Amino acid sequence: MANGQKRVIFSGGALLSVASVLTALVALGTQSWVEGTLLCKTGVQLVNASGAELHKFIGAISYGMFHGQRLRECGLGGRHFQITFFPTLLDGIPAGLHVLVLLFAAAVIVFALVATGFFMFNAFGRPYETLHGPVGLYLWNAIACSCGFMVMVLFTSEVKIHRLSEKIANYKEESFVFETYTEVFGYSFWLVFACTMIHCSNILLIRSIGIQFPFSMSKSTNSSDGGVDLMY
């Protein structure tokens, strides 16, 4: 492939990496990682509510990695509350897991920026040299992709296994018990999935211009060396 075409493709990879950075920043800054409704279990049991009466005991919740909001419904009208994770909820949620999600999300941003620099270096500098060349292009995109995947896995674990929404709803509640009624991942969560797919696309983009995967290159080199040794 001509150098001009490779330059265009590498520049496209850099733009995709920048898009990944911006997408991850938007995901971290918004409050729609989880959207759901909460049932006031205590209120339902007290009045034996069912059918159409249930809506009086169903509130709403939505939150991101730092903030959120909640509508508390227990049959006497709704009350709005703001959710703040740091430092308010740290003793009521799996804080270690939550911080780990944030660290991997930050890693996505960092390695996406590194991948951007490597794409630009290969487009306009002296390309294809050891770690600065194809190995680096594959490495940083693979790490960013893996970090995005870990964000999704860990956050899903925090929400579904550790019941994050219920822990938030029941934090310092003395009279009522709340349980999750409905729960879905919001657009902020899926923005992280978009970041992961961007770096997968970058890897395929690199491969599409004829640059082999690092392990494939190593095997080819080893095979060639073996042939030389046999000749001697």
Protein backbone atom coordinates (compact mmCIF):
# COMPACT_ATOMS: atom_id res chain seq x y z
CA MET A 1 0.00 0.00 0.00
CA ALA A 2 1.26 3.50 -0.86
CA ASN A 3 2.60 5.71 1.93
CA GLY A 4 -0.11 8.29 1.26
CA GLN A 5 -2.85 5.73 1.82
CA LYS A 6 -1.23 4.47 5.02
CA ARG A 7 -0.94 8.05 6.25
CA VAL A 8 -4.66 8.57 5.68
CA ILE A 9 -5.54 5.33 7.50
CA PHE A 10 -3.25 6.09 10.44
CA SER A 11 -4.73 9.58 10.66
CA GLY A 12 -8.18 7.99 10.70
CA GLY A 13 -7.06 5.73 13.55
CA ALA A 14 -5.84 8.78 15.46
CA LEU A 15 -9.21 10.49 14.99
CA LEU A 16 -11.00 7.37 16.21
CA SER A 17 -8.77 7.29 19.30
CA VAL A 18 -9.57 10.95 20.00
CA ALA A 19 -13.26 10.10 19.62
CA SER A 20 -12.75 7.32 22.18
CA VAL A 21 -11.22 9.79 24.65
CA LEU A 22 -14.10 12.23 24.25
CA THR A 23 -16.68 9.44 24.50
CA ALA A 24 -15.13 8.11 27.72
CA LEU A 25 -15.06 11.61 29.22
CA VAL A 26 -18.74 12.11 28.36
CA ALA A 27 -19.57 8.72 29.91
CA LEU A 28 -17.78 9.62 33.15
CA GLY A 29 -19.39 13.05 33.30
CA THR A 30 -23.00 11.97 32.81
CA GLN A 31 -25.48 10.38 35.21
CA SER A 32 -27.12 7.72 33.06
CA TRP A 33 -25.05 4.61 33.75
CA VAL A 34 -28.08 3.00 35.38
CA GLU A 35 -31.75 3.93 35.12
CA GLY A 36 -34.42 2.10 37.07
CA THR A 37 -37.36 2.11 39.43
CA LEU A 38 -37.51 1.19 43.11
CA LEU A 39 -40.36 -0.45 44.99
CA CYS A 40 -41.05 0.60 48.58
CA LYS A 41 -41.44 -2.92 49.91
CA THR A 42 -42.38 -1.86 53.43
CA GLY A 43 -45.17 0.43 52.22
CA VAL A 44 -46.60 -2.25 49.94
CA GLN A 45 -46.67 -4.75 52.79
CA LEU A 46 -48.27 -2.29 55.22
CA VAL A 47 -51.29 -1.54 53.00
CA ASN A 48 -51.21 -4.81 51.06
CA ALA A 49 -51.03 -2.84 47.81
CA SER A 50 -51.42 -4.55 44.44
CA GLY A 51 -52.32 -3.79 40.86
CA ALA A 52 -52.97 -0.12 40.16
CA GLU A 53 -52.05 0.83 43.73
CA LEU A 54 -48.44 -0.20 43.23
CA HIS A 55 -47.53 2.94 41.28
CA LYS A 56 -47.87 4.94 44.53
CA PHE A 57 -44.94 2.96 45.92
CA ILE A 58 -42.67 2.95 42.87
CA GLY A 59 -39.96 5.60 42.71
CA ALA A 60 -37.19 6.23 40.21
CA ILE A 61 -33.41 6.25 40.30
CA SER A 62 -30.63 7.13 37.88
CA TYR A 63 -26.93 7.56 38.56
CA GLY A 64 -23.48 7.66 37.07
CA MET A 65 -20.04 7.17 38.56
CA PHE A 66 -20.10 10.29 40.74
CA HIS A 67 -23.64 11.65 41.03
CA GLY A 68 -27.26 10.74 40.45
CA GLN A 69 -30.80 11.44 41.49
CA ARG A 70 -33.62 9.55 43.08
CA LEU A 71 -37.39 9.90 43.49
CA ARG A 72 -38.52 8.33 46.76
CA GLU A 73 -42.12 7.08 46.69
CA CYS A 74 -43.76 5.45 49.71
CA GLY A 75 -47.46 6.21 49.18
CA LEU A 76 -47.40 9.76 50.58
CA GLY A 77 -46.07 11.63 47.55
CA GLY A 78 -42.65 11.70 45.99
CA ARG A 79 -39.50 13.31 47.36
CA HIS A 80 -36.45 14.05 45.24
CA PHE A 81 -32.93 13.31 46.50
CA GLN A 82 -29.51 13.91 45.02
CA ILE A 83 -27.03 11.02 45.05
CA THR A 84 -23.35 11.75 45.73
CA PHE A 85 -20.92 8.84 45.81
CA PHE A 86 -17.83 10.66 47.09
CA PRO A 87 -17.60 10.82 50.05
CA THR A 88 -21.23 10.35 51.12
CA LEU A 89 -21.93 6.76 50.02
CA LEU A 90 -18.49 5.21 50.43
CA ASP A 91 -19.48 3.29 53.55
CA GLY A 92 -22.71 2.03 52.00
CA ILE A 93 -21.52 0.66 48.65
CA PRO A 94 -18.71 -1.68 47.50
CA ALA A 95 -16.30 1.26 47.41
CA GLY A 96 -13.25 -0.75 46.33
CA LEU A 97 -15.06 -2.10 43.30
CA HIS A 98 -16.43 1.33 42.43
CA VAL A 99 -12.97 2.89 42.58
CA LEU A 100 -11.61 0.04 40.44
CA VAL A 101 -14.21 0.82 37.77
CA LEU A 102 -13.08 4.45 37.81
CA LEU A 103 -9.42 3.45 37.51
CA PHE A 104 -10.09 1.28 34.46
CA ALA A 105 -12.19 4.07 32.93
CA ALA A 106 -9.29 6.48 33.47
CA ALA A 107 -6.96 3.89 31.90
CA VAL A 108 -9.17 3.84 28.78
CA ILE A 109 -8.64 7.59 28.41
CA VAL A 110 -4.88 7.42 29.04
CA PHE A 111 -4.19 4.55 26.64
CA ALA A 112 -6.50 6.02 24.00
CA LEU A 113 -4.38 9.20 24.15
CA VAL A 114 -1.21 7.11 23.86
CA ALA A 115 -2.70 5.28 20.87
CA THR A 116 -3.48 8.66 19.28
CA GLY A 117 0.15 9.70 19.62
CA PHE A 118 1.40 6.44 18.11
CA PHE A 119 -0.97 6.73 15.17
CA MET A 120 0.25 10.26 14.48
CA PHE A 121 3.88 9.17 14.81
CA ASN A 122 3.35 6.37 12.30
CA ALA A 123 1.46 8.71 9.97
CA PHE A 124 3.94 11.60 9.93
CA GLY A 125 7.12 10.35 11.63
CA ARG A 126 9.41 7.39 11.01
CA PRO A 127 7.01 4.47 11.22
CA TYR A 128 7.27 0.72 11.80
CA GLU A 129 10.14 0.73 14.34
CA THR A 130 9.79 -1.78 17.20
CA LEU A 131 7.46 -0.48 19.94
CA HIS A 132 6.90 2.79 18.10
CA GLY A 133 5.65 0.93 15.04
CA PRO A 134 3.10 -1.85 14.59
CA VAL A 135 3.78 -3.46 17.97
CA GLY A 136 2.93 -0.20 19.73
CA LEU A 137 -0.17 0.38 17.60
CA TYR A 138 -1.50 -3.06 18.47
CA LEU A 139 -0.42 -2.87 22.13
CA TRP A 140 -2.01 0.44 23.16
CA ASN A 141 -5.25 -0.22 21.30
CA ALA A 142 -5.48 -3.71 22.80
CA ILE A 143 -4.90 -2.34 26.32
CA ALA A 144 -7.51 0.42 25.85
CA CYS A 145 -9.96 -2.15 24.50
CA SER A 146 -9.31 -4.48 27.44
CA CYS A 147 -9.73 -1.67 29.97
CA GLY A 148 -13.08 -0.73 28.43
CA PHE A 149 -14.17 -4.35 28.66
CA MET A 150 -13.11 -4.48 32.33
CA VAL A 151 -15.12 -1.33 33.08
CA MET A 152 -18.24 -3.00 31.72
CA VAL A 153 -17.64 -6.30 33.53
CA LEU A 154 -16.83 -4.73 36.90
CA PHE A 155 -19.67 -2.21 36.78
CA THR A 156 -22.13 -4.92 35.77
CA SER A 157 -20.91 -6.95 38.74
CA GLU A 158 -21.32 -3.96 41.04
CA VAL A 159 -24.89 -3.31 39.87
CA LYS A 160 -26.24 -6.84 39.43
CA ILE A 161 -24.31 -8.95 41.95
CA HIS A 162 -23.76 -6.37 44.69
CA ARG A 163 -27.18 -4.73 44.06
CA LEU A 164 -25.82 -1.20 43.91
CA SER A 165 -29.21 0.45 43.31
CA GLU A 166 -30.70 -1.14 46.43
CA LYS A 167 -27.67 -0.21 48.53
CA ILE A 168 -28.06 3.41 47.42
CA ALA A 169 -31.82 3.41 48.03
CA ASN A 170 -31.54 1.84 51.49
CA TYR A 171 -28.58 3.92 52.65
CA LYS A 172 -29.42 5.27 56.14
CA GLU A 173 -33.09 4.33 55.73
CA GLU A 174 -34.60 3.53 59.11
CA SER A 175 -38.30 3.01 58.43
CA PHE A 176 -38.59 1.66 54.90
CA VAL A 177 -36.95 -1.04 52.79
CA PHE A 178 -36.60 -0.56 49.04
CA GLU A 179 -35.93 -3.15 46.38
CA THR A 180 -35.21 -2.91 42.66
CA TYR A 181 -38.35 -3.05 40.54
CA THR A 182 -36.85 -2.41 37.09
CA GLU A 183 -33.26 -1.69 36.12
CA VAL A 184 -31.47 -1.07 32.82
CA PHE A 185 -28.08 0.26 31.82
CA GLY A 186 -28.31 3.80 30.47
CA TYR A 187 -26.60 5.45 27.52
CA SER A 188 -23.52 6.40 29.58
CA PHE A 189 -22.73 2.74 30.14
CA TRP A 190 -23.09 2.00 26.45
CA LEU A 191 -20.73 4.84 25.61
CA VAL A 192 -18.01 2.74 27.27
CA PHE A 193 -19.01 -0.13 24.99
CA ALA A 194 -18.60 2.28 22.06
CA CYS A 195 -15.05 3.10 23.26
CA THR A 196 -14.24 -0.61 23.38
CA MET A 197 -15.55 -1.11 19.86
CA ILE A 198 -13.56 1.88 18.60
CA HIS A 199 -10.29 0.28 19.70
CA CYS A 200 -11.34 -3.08 18.26
CA SER A 201 -11.96 -1.23 14.98
CA ASN A 202 -8.52 0.36 15.21
CA ILE A 203 -6.91 -3.07 15.56
CA LEU A 204 -8.77 -4.29 12.48
CA LEU A 205 -7.80 -1.07 10.68
CA ILE A 206 -4.12 -1.71 11.38
CA ARG A 207 -4.44 -5.28 10.16
CA SER A 208 -6.29 -4.18 7.02
CA ILE A 209 -3.23 -2.36 5.67
CA GLY A 210 -1.13 -5.52 5.83
CA ILE A 211 0.59 -5.09 9.22
CA GLN A 212 0.67 -8.51 10.86
CA PHE A 213 -0.16 -9.14 14.49
CA PRO A 214 2.99 -9.10 16.70
CA PHE A 215 2.77 -12.82 17.50
CA SER A 216 2.42 -13.66 13.83
CA MET A 217 5.50 -11.59 13.07
CA SER A 218 7.46 -13.40 15.77
CA LYS A 219 6.50 -16.79 14.40
CA SER A 220 7.48 -15.77 10.87
CA THR A 221 10.84 -14.49 12.11
CA ASN A 222 11.50 -17.67 14.07
CA SER A 223 10.66 -19.80 11.05
CA SER A 224 13.06 -17.81 8.87
CA ASP A 225 15.86 -18.12 11.45
CA GLY A 226 15.27 -21.87 11.62
CA GLY A 227 15.65 -22.12 7.86
CA VAL A 228 18.96 -20.25 7.99
CA ASP A 229 20.23 -22.51 10.78
CA LEU A 230 19.39 -25.60 8.74
CA MET A 231 21.31 -24.25 5.77
CA TYR A 232 24.42 -24.04 7.89
